[in-house]
N, C-alpha and C. Protein backbone atom coordinates (compact mmCIF):
# COMPACT_ATOMS: atom_id res chain seq x y z
N MET A 1 27.22 -6.01 1.35
CA MET A 1 27.29 -4.66 1.76
C MET A 1 25.78 -4.35 0.82
N THR A 2 24.79 -3.57 1.59
CA THR A 2 23.62 -3.26 0.76
C THR A 2 23.54 -2.19 0.22
N LYS A 3 22.92 -2.15 -0.83
CA LYS A 3 22.74 -0.82 -1.77
C LYS A 3 21.64 0.39 -1.37
N PRO A 4 22.23 1.88 -1.20
CA PRO A 4 21.25 2.85 -0.95
C PRO A 4 19.79 2.16 -1.53
N MET A 5 18.82 3.18 -0.78
CA MET A 5 17.65 3.33 -1.27
C MET A 5 17.74 4.25 -2.09
N GLN A 6 16.91 4.18 -3.32
CA GLN A 6 17.07 5.28 -4.38
C GLN A 6 15.70 6.03 -4.30
N ALA A 7 15.42 7.44 -4.79
CA ALA A 7 14.54 8.03 -4.76
C ALA A 7 13.59 7.39 -5.70
N CYS A 8 12.19 7.49 -5.36
CA CYS A 8 11.30 6.66 -6.14
C CYS A 8 10.79 7.63 -7.68
N ARG A 9 10.65 6.69 -8.71
CA ARG A 9 10.40 7.00 -9.77
C ARG A 9 8.94 8.38 -10.20
N ASN A 10 8.09 8.02 -9.37
CA ASN A 10 6.97 8.70 -9.17
C ASN A 10 6.64 9.01 -7.79
N ALA A 11 6.83 9.85 -7.15
CA ALA A 11 6.28 10.13 -5.81
C ALA A 11 4.95 10.14 -5.88
N ALA A 12 4.44 9.54 -4.79
CA ALA A 12 2.78 9.29 -4.75
C ALA A 12 2.35 9.37 -3.05
N THR A 13 0.93 9.30 -3.02
CA THR A 13 0.48 9.25 -1.68
C THR A 13 0.08 8.18 -1.42
N ILE A 14 0.40 7.36 -0.17
CA ILE A 14 0.50 6.13 -0.11
C ILE A 14 -0.09 5.99 1.44
N LEU A 15 -1.36 5.38 1.49
CA LEU A 15 -2.09 4.89 2.73
C LEU A 15 -1.48 3.33 3.12
N LEU A 16 -0.54 3.43 4.05
CA LEU A 16 0.03 2.16 4.71
C LEU A 16 -0.89 1.43 5.72
N VAL A 17 -1.26 0.22 5.69
CA VAL A 17 -2.15 0.02 6.86
C VAL A 17 -1.44 -1.59 7.04
N ASP A 18 -1.00 -1.62 8.48
CA ASP A 18 -0.34 -3.14 8.97
C ASP A 18 -0.99 -3.01 10.43
N ASP A 19 -1.44 -4.42 10.99
CA ASP A 19 -1.53 -3.99 12.39
C ASP A 19 -0.21 -4.29 13.20
N GLU A 20 0.77 -4.30 12.69
CA GLU A 20 2.05 -4.67 13.62
C GLU A 20 2.71 -3.15 13.75
N PRO A 21 2.63 -2.48 14.47
CA PRO A 21 3.28 -0.91 14.63
C PRO A 21 4.74 -0.86 14.09
N ASP A 22 5.63 -1.88 14.10
CA ASP A 22 6.81 -1.82 14.10
C ASP A 22 6.74 -1.64 12.51
N ILE A 23 6.02 -2.65 11.86
CA ILE A 23 6.24 -2.56 10.22
C ILE A 23 5.46 -1.36 9.86
N VAL A 24 4.57 -0.76 10.44
CA VAL A 24 4.27 0.54 9.96
C VAL A 24 5.11 1.77 9.96
N THR A 25 5.85 1.52 10.91
CA THR A 25 7.29 2.34 11.59
C THR A 25 8.14 2.30 10.40
N ILE A 26 8.78 1.11 10.47
CA ILE A 26 9.78 1.26 9.32
C ILE A 26 9.35 1.40 7.86
N PHE A 27 8.28 0.84 7.54
CA PHE A 27 7.75 1.05 6.08
C PHE A 27 7.43 2.66 5.79
N THR A 28 6.93 2.83 6.82
CA THR A 28 7.05 4.49 6.52
C THR A 28 7.88 5.47 6.24
N GLU A 29 9.16 5.05 6.79
CA GLU A 29 10.63 5.48 7.13
C GLU A 29 10.91 5.37 5.64
N VAL A 30 11.20 4.10 5.40
CA VAL A 30 11.57 3.75 3.86
C VAL A 30 11.29 4.41 2.55
N LEU A 31 9.71 4.40 2.69
CA LEU A 31 8.78 4.87 1.92
C LEU A 31 9.39 6.71 1.80
N GLU A 32 9.04 7.38 2.90
CA GLU A 32 9.22 8.60 2.98
C GLU A 32 10.57 8.79 2.46
N LYS A 33 11.54 8.15 2.71
CA LYS A 33 12.97 8.61 2.17
C LYS A 33 13.27 8.22 0.73
N ALA A 34 12.39 7.42 0.16
CA ALA A 34 12.06 7.31 -1.42
C ALA A 34 11.21 8.34 -1.98
N GLY A 35 10.76 9.27 -0.86
CA GLY A 35 10.37 10.33 -1.88
C GLY A 35 8.59 10.31 -1.57
N HIS A 36 8.09 9.21 -1.04
CA HIS A 36 6.51 9.07 -1.01
C HIS A 36 5.91 10.17 0.29
N ARG A 37 4.99 10.34 0.14
CA ARG A 37 3.92 10.69 1.22
C ARG A 37 3.39 9.54 1.78
N VAL A 38 3.34 9.43 3.11
CA VAL A 38 2.81 8.23 3.83
C VAL A 38 1.99 8.64 4.65
N LEU A 39 0.48 7.93 4.75
CA LEU A 39 -0.58 7.93 5.72
C LEU A 39 -0.46 6.98 6.58
N PRO A 40 -0.09 6.83 7.29
CA PRO A 40 0.09 5.34 8.24
C PRO A 40 -0.98 4.93 8.99
N SER A 41 -1.24 3.81 9.27
CA SER A 41 -2.47 3.20 10.15
C SER A 41 -1.98 1.87 10.91
N THR A 42 -2.41 1.46 12.00
CA THR A 42 -2.15 0.21 12.58
C THR A 42 -3.88 -0.59 12.63
N GLU A 43 -4.91 0.36 11.97
CA GLU A 43 -6.26 -0.33 11.94
C GLU A 43 -6.90 0.08 10.91
N PRO A 44 -7.84 -0.90 10.34
CA PRO A 44 -8.65 -0.65 9.11
C PRO A 44 -9.52 0.65 9.15
N ALA A 45 -9.96 0.52 10.40
CA ALA A 45 -11.01 1.68 10.68
C ALA A 45 -10.63 3.02 10.66
N GLN A 46 -9.60 3.14 11.21
CA GLN A 46 -8.63 4.53 11.28
C GLN A 46 -8.42 4.65 9.76
N ALA A 47 -7.80 3.55 8.88
CA ALA A 47 -7.69 3.80 7.35
C ALA A 47 -8.74 4.39 6.74
N LEU A 48 -9.84 3.81 6.89
CA LEU A 48 -11.36 4.37 6.51
C LEU A 48 -11.12 5.77 6.86
N ASP A 49 -11.08 6.32 8.13
CA ASP A 49 -11.43 7.52 8.48
C ASP A 49 -10.17 8.39 7.75
N ILE A 50 -9.20 8.22 7.72
CA ILE A 50 -8.00 8.75 7.11
C ILE A 50 -8.50 8.83 5.56
N ALA A 51 -9.00 7.97 4.71
CA ALA A 51 -9.10 8.01 3.58
C ALA A 51 -10.28 9.15 3.40
N GLU A 52 -11.21 9.25 4.41
CA GLU A 52 -12.48 9.77 4.31
C GLU A 52 -12.15 11.37 4.54
N GLN A 53 -11.33 11.39 5.17
CA GLN A 53 -10.71 12.89 5.62
C GLN A 53 -9.67 13.61 4.80
N ALA A 54 -9.03 13.03 4.15
CA ALA A 54 -7.81 13.20 3.26
C ALA A 54 -8.52 14.07 2.05
N THR A 55 -7.80 15.16 1.90
CA THR A 55 -8.42 16.20 0.72
C THR A 55 -7.51 15.90 -0.46
N GLU A 56 -6.34 15.10 -0.43
CA GLU A 56 -5.44 15.05 -1.55
C GLU A 56 -5.97 13.70 -1.51
N ASP A 57 -5.69 13.56 -3.24
CA ASP A 57 -5.50 11.86 -4.07
C ASP A 57 -4.58 10.91 -2.92
N ILE A 58 -5.39 9.92 -2.84
CA ILE A 58 -4.42 8.65 -2.54
C ILE A 58 -4.20 7.84 -3.45
N ASP A 59 -2.81 7.65 -3.95
CA ASP A 59 -2.61 6.79 -5.22
C ASP A 59 -2.40 5.60 -5.07
N LEU A 60 -2.33 4.89 -3.55
CA LEU A 60 -1.79 3.57 -3.49
C LEU A 60 -2.24 3.11 -2.27
N LEU A 61 -2.99 1.91 -1.95
CA LEU A 61 -2.99 1.54 -0.86
C LEU A 61 -2.28 0.22 -0.41
N LEU A 62 -1.21 0.15 0.22
CA LEU A 62 -0.15 -0.88 0.80
C LEU A 62 -0.69 -1.37 2.14
N SER A 63 -1.44 -2.45 1.93
CA SER A 63 -2.07 -3.12 3.41
C SER A 63 -1.68 -4.70 3.34
N ASP A 64 -1.48 -4.84 4.62
CA ASP A 64 -1.44 -6.32 5.09
C ASP A 64 -2.91 -6.90 4.68
N VAL A 65 -3.04 -8.17 4.68
CA VAL A 65 -4.20 -8.80 4.26
C VAL A 65 -4.85 -9.41 5.78
N THR A 66 -3.87 -9.89 6.85
CA THR A 66 -4.80 -10.47 7.71
C THR A 66 -4.62 -9.72 8.90
N MET A 67 -5.60 -9.14 9.31
CA MET A 67 -5.80 -8.19 10.41
C MET A 67 -6.82 -8.55 11.22
N PRO A 68 -6.88 -8.07 12.58
CA PRO A 68 -7.99 -8.77 13.50
C PRO A 68 -9.27 -8.20 13.04
N GLU A 69 -9.18 -6.85 12.88
CA GLU A 69 -10.50 -5.85 12.88
C GLU A 69 -11.11 -6.23 11.46
N MET A 70 -10.49 -6.23 10.37
CA MET A 70 -11.04 -6.22 9.06
C MET A 70 -9.89 -6.90 7.89
N ASN A 71 -9.93 -7.88 7.30
CA ASN A 71 -8.88 -8.03 6.45
C ASN A 71 -8.75 -7.17 5.06
N GLY A 72 -7.58 -7.44 4.79
CA GLY A 72 -7.07 -6.32 3.65
C GLY A 72 -7.94 -6.02 2.73
N PHE A 73 -8.70 -7.38 1.99
CA PHE A 73 -9.35 -7.46 0.88
C PHE A 73 -10.45 -6.68 1.10
N GLU A 74 -11.26 -6.65 2.10
CA GLU A 74 -12.31 -5.95 2.39
C GLU A 74 -11.96 -4.54 2.90
N LEU A 75 -10.99 -4.18 3.44
CA LEU A 75 -10.62 -3.15 3.73
C LEU A 75 -10.32 -2.26 1.85
N ALA A 76 -9.81 -3.10 0.80
CA ALA A 76 -9.41 -2.61 0.03
C ALA A 76 -10.78 -2.15 -0.99
N ARG A 77 -11.78 -3.01 -0.75
CA ARG A 77 -13.30 -3.26 -1.29
C ARG A 77 -13.62 -1.69 -1.18
N ARG A 78 -13.62 -1.37 0.23
CA ARG A 78 -14.70 -0.14 1.07
C ARG A 78 -13.76 0.81 0.50
N LEU A 79 -12.56 0.84 0.04
CA LEU A 79 -11.62 2.24 0.19
C LEU A 79 -11.69 2.50 -1.37
N LYS A 80 -11.87 1.36 -2.07
CA LYS A 80 -11.75 1.50 -3.98
C LYS A 80 -13.51 2.13 -4.42
N ALA A 81 -14.56 1.83 -3.30
CA ALA A 81 -15.70 2.55 -3.48
C ALA A 81 -15.86 3.97 -3.21
N MET A 82 -14.82 4.42 -2.14
CA MET A 82 -14.79 5.69 -1.70
C MET A 82 -13.57 6.62 -2.80
N ARG A 83 -12.75 5.74 -3.23
CA ARG A 83 -11.64 6.35 -4.30
C ARG A 83 -11.46 5.46 -5.41
N PRO A 84 -12.37 5.71 -6.29
CA PRO A 84 -12.21 5.05 -7.58
C PRO A 84 -10.81 4.90 -8.31
N GLY A 85 -10.08 4.13 -8.79
CA GLY A 85 -8.95 4.44 -9.51
C GLY A 85 -7.63 4.03 -8.30
N LEU A 86 -7.97 3.97 -7.29
CA LEU A 86 -7.00 3.55 -6.32
C LEU A 86 -6.51 2.21 -6.46
N LYS A 87 -4.72 2.22 -6.61
CA LYS A 87 -4.36 0.61 -6.89
C LYS A 87 -3.94 0.32 -5.62
N VAL A 88 -3.92 -1.17 -5.55
CA VAL A 88 -3.81 -1.49 -4.02
C VAL A 88 -2.66 -2.57 -4.30
N LEU A 89 -1.69 -2.73 -3.40
CA LEU A 89 -0.53 -3.57 -3.15
C LEU A 89 -0.75 -4.32 -1.51
N PHE A 90 -0.84 -5.67 -1.73
CA PHE A 90 -1.33 -6.45 -0.83
C PHE A 90 0.20 -6.89 -0.04
N MET A 91 0.05 -7.06 1.23
CA MET A 91 1.43 -7.73 1.48
C MET A 91 0.67 -8.91 3.01
N SER A 92 1.49 -10.07 3.07
CA SER A 92 0.74 -11.37 3.91
C SER A 92 2.10 -12.08 4.09
N GLY A 93 2.12 -12.28 5.63
CA GLY A 93 3.21 -13.46 6.06
C GLY A 93 1.98 -14.72 6.19
N TYR A 94 1.04 -14.74 5.93
CA TYR A 94 0.00 -15.64 6.05
C TYR A 94 -1.19 -15.55 5.65
N ILE A 95 -1.87 -16.41 4.84
CA ILE A 95 -3.17 -16.01 4.17
C ILE A 95 -3.75 -17.53 4.24
N GLU A 96 -4.82 -17.57 4.96
CA GLU A 96 -5.70 -18.73 5.20
C GLU A 96 -7.00 -18.56 4.32
N GLY A 97 -6.92 -19.81 3.61
CA GLY A 97 -8.13 -19.98 2.70
C GLY A 97 -7.64 -19.54 1.58
N THR A 98 -8.79 -19.45 0.46
CA THR A 98 -8.23 -18.95 -0.70
C THR A 98 -9.27 -17.44 -0.82
N HIS A 99 -8.19 -16.45 -1.26
CA HIS A 99 -9.27 -15.65 -1.78
C HIS A 99 -8.85 -14.90 -3.03
N CYS A 100 -10.07 -14.82 -3.55
CA CYS A 100 -10.19 -13.81 -5.18
C CYS A 100 -9.45 -12.49 -5.15
N ILE A 101 -8.57 -12.44 -5.89
CA ILE A 101 -7.70 -11.10 -5.79
C ILE A 101 -8.09 -10.58 -7.36
N ASP A 102 -8.48 -9.50 -7.23
CA ASP A 102 -8.52 -8.89 -8.81
C ASP A 102 -7.33 -8.70 -9.85
N GLU A 103 -7.42 -8.94 -11.09
CA GLU A 103 -6.28 -8.61 -11.93
C GLU A 103 -5.43 -7.78 -11.75
N GLY A 104 -4.34 -7.92 -11.94
CA GLY A 104 -3.37 -6.64 -11.67
C GLY A 104 -3.28 -6.48 -10.18
N THR A 105 -3.74 -7.14 -9.43
CA THR A 105 -3.25 -7.03 -7.54
C THR A 105 -2.08 -7.61 -7.61
N VAL A 106 -1.50 -7.31 -6.86
CA VAL A 106 -0.14 -7.69 -6.44
C VAL A 106 0.24 -7.83 -4.90
N LEU A 107 0.55 -9.04 -4.32
CA LEU A 107 0.61 -9.65 -3.03
C LEU A 107 2.18 -9.77 -2.94
N LEU A 108 2.23 -9.31 -1.69
CA LEU A 108 3.96 -9.48 -1.37
C LEU A 108 4.20 -10.24 -0.35
N HIS A 109 4.97 -11.32 -0.40
CA HIS A 109 5.01 -12.30 1.05
C HIS A 109 6.10 -11.60 1.84
N LYS A 110 5.53 -11.23 3.27
CA LYS A 110 6.62 -11.12 4.51
C LYS A 110 6.91 -12.15 4.89
N PRO A 111 8.53 -12.48 5.76
CA PRO A 111 9.09 -11.17 5.35
C PRO A 111 9.40 -10.55 4.17
N LEU A 112 9.55 -9.16 3.95
CA LEU A 112 10.10 -8.98 2.67
C LEU A 112 11.23 -7.68 2.69
N SER A 113 12.40 -7.55 1.84
CA SER A 113 13.15 -6.72 1.97
C SER A 113 12.72 -5.38 1.94
N LEU A 114 13.30 -4.14 2.05
CA LEU A 114 12.76 -3.24 1.89
C LEU A 114 12.94 -2.60 0.45
N HIS A 115 13.89 -3.38 -0.27
CA HIS A 115 14.36 -3.38 -1.56
C HIS A 115 13.22 -3.66 -2.33
N VAL A 116 12.76 -4.83 -2.07
CA VAL A 116 11.43 -5.39 -2.79
C VAL A 116 10.29 -4.65 -2.74
N LEU A 117 9.95 -4.33 -1.56
CA LEU A 117 8.95 -3.13 -1.08
C LEU A 117 9.04 -2.04 -1.78
N CYS A 118 10.09 -1.42 -2.15
CA CYS A 118 10.42 -0.30 -2.79
C CYS A 118 9.97 -0.40 -4.72
N ASP A 119 10.69 -1.47 -5.14
CA ASP A 119 10.42 -2.02 -5.79
C ASP A 119 8.90 -2.25 -6.50
N ALA A 120 8.17 -2.92 -5.52
CA ALA A 120 6.92 -3.38 -6.00
C ALA A 120 6.03 -1.74 -6.05
N VAL A 121 6.40 -0.93 -5.18
CA VAL A 121 5.62 0.37 -4.98
C VAL A 121 5.87 1.18 -6.22
N SER A 122 7.23 1.28 -6.56
CA SER A 122 7.61 1.89 -8.05
C SER A 122 6.78 1.32 -9.11
N THR A 123 6.74 -0.13 -9.27
CA THR A 123 6.29 -0.63 -10.34
C THR A 123 4.63 -0.59 -10.46
N MET A 124 4.06 -0.47 -9.38
CA MET A 124 2.70 -0.20 -9.12
C MET A 124 2.30 0.93 -9.93
N LEU A 125 3.04 1.87 -9.42
CA LEU A 125 2.62 3.26 -9.58
C LEU A 125 3.14 3.68 -10.94
N ASP A 126 4.24 2.92 -11.29
CA ASP A 126 4.67 3.33 -12.97
C ASP A 126 3.24 2.64 -13.82
N THR A 127 2.82 1.21 -13.39
CA THR A 127 1.67 0.77 -14.18
C THR A 127 0.53 1.69 -13.93
N ALA A 128 0.10 2.35 -12.81
CA ALA A 128 -0.67 3.13 -12.44
C ALA A 128 -0.73 4.39 -13.66
N LYS A 129 0.43 4.99 -13.65
CA LYS A 129 0.58 6.38 -14.41
C LYS A 129 0.55 5.69 -15.94
N ALA A 130 0.99 4.77 -16.39
CA ALA A 130 0.82 4.32 -18.01
C ALA A 130 -0.41 3.73 -17.97
N THR A 131 -1.44 3.36 -17.44
CA THR A 131 -2.69 3.48 -17.70
C THR A 131 -3.94 4.34 -16.99
N SER A 132 -3.29 5.67 -16.84
CA SER A 132 -3.95 6.75 -16.59
C SER A 132 -4.10 7.71 -17.98
N PRO A 133 -5.61 7.99 -17.93
CA PRO A 133 -5.80 8.58 -19.18
C PRO A 133 -5.11 10.06 -19.22
N PRO A 134 -4.53 10.47 -20.23
CA PRO A 134 -3.45 12.02 -20.28
C PRO A 134 -4.37 13.00 -19.83
N GLU A 135 -3.80 14.01 -19.04
CA GLU A 135 -4.70 14.82 -18.75
C GLU A 135 -4.56 16.57 -19.65
């Protein structure tokens, strides 16, 4: 018996990028049911456009690493230049070669359970909230 999805501890806006449409659809549904707002994209260029046009804060980039047009590391670099303070959570079923990942960056290995996904997102957002200056 699987345990039901719980509401997230910190509702956030998540930019989700994966070149597999089925993953984008499933992860979007799960994250929205957990209370997040999801901005889905199947292409890095589209994700850059979404981030550029979004009027609200984007709290987290959840991105595949290996994509045909641009890898997730480059996408994250470009998005962080646009939106300093953006938290990043990578996922990948396969990474070729060695990549330098910033301290504090998390890499989830696909396939991953939906509970692992939600736990990782909540943990990343909790960490972001704990390190943010008080308002």
